[in-house]
Amino acid sequence: MLVSEYWDNDRRAVIRKEKEGFEVDLFKNNYKETRKVHNHSESYAEDVAENFVQGLFDIEEEGSFYGYKEKTDNFDPEVDD
């Protein structure tokens, strides 16, 4: 179920409520990445979406992230980037 959508310039983020919890689809230059934030609140998912469209973090446009198509909620940008 679609919860909300954020966009700015070439960035768009879509928050969805799935059976397992919230997921945030991130789009940039026709590339999509999904962040599963299942164990977090709707407010947390909104923060992820807002931070992405404001350019506070980026998605991997080439290849994949450590062999996977998505980052999970245990991704830590200070350690993993």
C-alpha atoms as a PDB file:
ATOM      1  CA  MET A   1       0.000   0.000   0.000  1.00  0.00           C
ATOM      2  CA  LEU A   2       1.343   3.419  -0.982  1.00  0.00           C
ATOM      3  CA  VAL A   3       1.889   5.648   2.061  1.00  0.00           C
ATOM      4  CA  SER A   4       3.570   8.745   0.622  1.00  0.00           C
ATOM      5  CA  GLU A   5       5.910  10.014  -2.053  1.00  0.00           C
ATOM      6  CA  TYR A   6       8.705  12.588  -2.043  1.00  0.00           C
ATOM      7  CA  TRP A   7      10.598  14.088  -4.985  1.00  0.00           C
ATOM      8  CA  ASP A   8      13.087  16.803  -5.860  1.00  0.00           C
ATOM      9  CA  ASN A   9      14.860  17.266  -9.205  1.00  0.00           C
ATOM     10  CA  ASP A  10      16.043  13.813 -10.370  1.00  0.00           C
ATOM     11  CA  ARG A  11      15.320  12.063  -7.046  1.00  0.00           C
ATOM     12  CA  ARG A  12      12.106  10.387  -5.967  1.00  0.00           C
ATOM     13  CA  ALA A  13      11.250   8.275  -2.926  1.00  0.00           C
ATOM     14  CA  VAL A  14       8.113   6.190  -2.430  1.00  0.00           C
ATOM     15  CA  ILE A  15       7.113   4.826   0.977  1.00  0.00           C
ATOM     16  CA  ARG A  16       5.092   1.620   0.976  1.00  0.00           C
ATOM     17  CA  LYS A  17       3.521  -0.312   3.840  1.00  0.00           C
ATOM     18  CA  GLU A  18       4.021  -4.018   3.276  1.00  0.00           C
ATOM     19  CA  LYS A  19       2.947  -6.938   5.421  1.00  0.00           C
ATOM     20  CA  GLU A  20       6.457  -7.078   6.954  1.00  0.00           C
ATOM     21  CA  GLY A  21       6.655  -3.305   7.568  1.00  0.00           C
ATOM     22  CA  PHE A  22       7.681  -0.159   5.726  1.00  0.00           C
ATOM     23  CA  GLU A  23       9.803  -0.104   2.574  1.00  0.00           C
ATOM     24  CA  VAL A  24      11.233   2.943   0.802  1.00  0.00           C
ATOM     25  CA  ASP A  25      11.835   2.792  -2.941  1.00  0.00           C
ATOM     26  CA  LEU A  26      14.522   5.250  -4.018  1.00  0.00           C
ATOM     27  CA  PHE A  27      14.758   6.389  -7.629  1.00  0.00           C
ATOM     28  CA  LYS A  28      17.530   8.363  -9.315  1.00  0.00           C
ATOM     29  CA  ASN A  29      18.295   8.535 -13.037  1.00  0.00           C
ATOM     30  CA  ASN A  30      16.055   5.542 -13.831  1.00  0.00           C
ATOM     31  CA  TYR A  31      17.747   3.397 -11.173  1.00  0.00           C
ATOM     32  CA  LYS A  32      15.822   1.992  -8.206  1.00  0.00           C
ATOM     33  CA  GLU A  33      16.947   0.786  -4.810  1.00  0.00           C
ATOM     34  CA  THR A  34      14.683  -0.468  -2.016  1.00  0.00           C
ATOM     35  CA  ARG A  35      15.420   0.107   1.653  1.00  0.00           C
ATOM     36  CA  LYS A  36      13.544  -2.297   3.897  1.00  0.00           C
ATOM     37  CA  VAL A  37      12.927  -0.576   7.213  1.00  0.00           C
ATOM     38  CA  HIS A  38      10.544  -3.218   8.529  1.00  0.00           C
ATOM     39  CA  ASN A  39      11.434  -2.806  12.198  1.00  0.00           C
ATOM     40  CA  HIS A  40      11.065   0.978  12.154  1.00  0.00           C
ATOM     41  CA  SER A  41       8.210   3.475  12.329  1.00  0.00           C
ATOM     42  CA  GLU A  42       6.495   5.378   9.537  1.00  0.00           C
ATOM     43  CA  SER A  43       8.338   8.474  10.761  1.00  0.00           C
ATOM     44  CA  TYR A  44      11.664   6.692  10.251  1.00  0.00           C
ATOM     45  CA  ALA A  45      10.659   5.702   6.696  1.00  0.00           C
ATOM     46  CA  GLU A  46       9.713   9.333   6.016  1.00  0.00           C
ATOM     47  CA  ASP A  47      13.130  10.470   7.265  1.00  0.00           C
ATOM     48  CA  VAL A  48      14.839   8.031   4.887  1.00  0.00           C
ATOM     49  CA  ALA A  49      12.766   9.356   1.976  1.00  0.00           C
ATOM     50  CA  GLU A  50      13.336  13.020   2.846  1.00  0.00           C
ATOM     51  CA  ASN A  51      17.069  12.557   3.404  1.00  0.00           C
ATOM     52  CA  PHE A  52      17.428  10.848   0.040  1.00  0.00           C
ATOM     53  CA  VAL A  53      15.560  13.470  -1.999  1.00  0.00           C
ATOM     54  CA  GLN A  54      17.520  16.222  -0.219  1.00  0.00           C
ATOM     55  CA  GLY A  55      20.764  14.543  -1.326  1.00  0.00           C
ATOM     56  CA  LEU A  56      22.031  13.566   2.120  1.00  0.00           C
ATOM     57  CA  PHE A  57      22.872  10.086   0.831  1.00  0.00           C
ATOM     58  CA  ASP A  58      23.053   8.414  -2.546  1.00  0.00           C
ATOM     59  CA  ILE A  59      22.226   5.055  -4.047  1.00  0.00           C
ATOM     60  CA  GLU A  60      24.525   2.786  -6.005  1.00  0.00           C
ATOM     61  CA  GLU A  61      23.796   3.394  -9.676  1.00  0.00           C
ATOM     62  CA  GLU A  62      26.302   0.897 -11.035  1.00  0.00           C
ATOM     63  CA  GLY A  63      26.059  -2.785 -10.225  1.00  0.00           C
ATOM     64  CA  SER A  64      24.716  -3.696  -6.841  1.00  0.00           C
ATOM     65  CA  PHE A  65      25.396  -3.124  -3.169  1.00  0.00           C
ATOM     66  CA  TYR A  66      27.689  -5.863  -1.861  1.00  0.00           C
ATOM     67  CA  GLY A  67      26.114  -8.354  -4.250  1.00  0.00           C
ATOM     68  CA  TYR A  68      22.530  -7.477  -3.344  1.00  0.00           C
ATOM     69  CA  LYS A  69      19.941  -5.272  -5.037  1.00  0.00           C
ATOM     70  CA  GLU A  70      18.901  -3.550  -1.809  1.00  0.00           C
ATOM     71  CA  LYS A  71      20.277  -2.299   1.474  1.00  0.00           C
ATOM     72  CA  THR A  72      18.692  -3.674   4.614  1.00  0.00           C
ATOM     73  CA  ASP A  73      17.814  -1.914   7.832  1.00  0.00           C
ATOM     74  CA  ASN A  74      21.106  -3.065   9.390  1.00  0.00           C
ATOM     75  CA  PHE A  75      23.049  -0.918   6.860  1.00  0.00           C
ATOM     76  CA  ASP A  76      25.221   1.619   8.695  1.00  0.00           C
ATOM     77  CA  PRO A  77      26.538   4.383   6.401  1.00  0.00           C
ATOM     78  CA  GLU A  78      29.442   5.218   8.731  1.00  0.00           C
ATOM     79  CA  VAL A  79      30.685   1.631   8.652  1.00  0.00           C
ATOM     80  CA  ASP A  80      29.498   0.283   5.281  1.00  0.00           C
ATOM     81  CA  ASP A  81      30.237   3.164   2.904  1.00  0.00           C
END
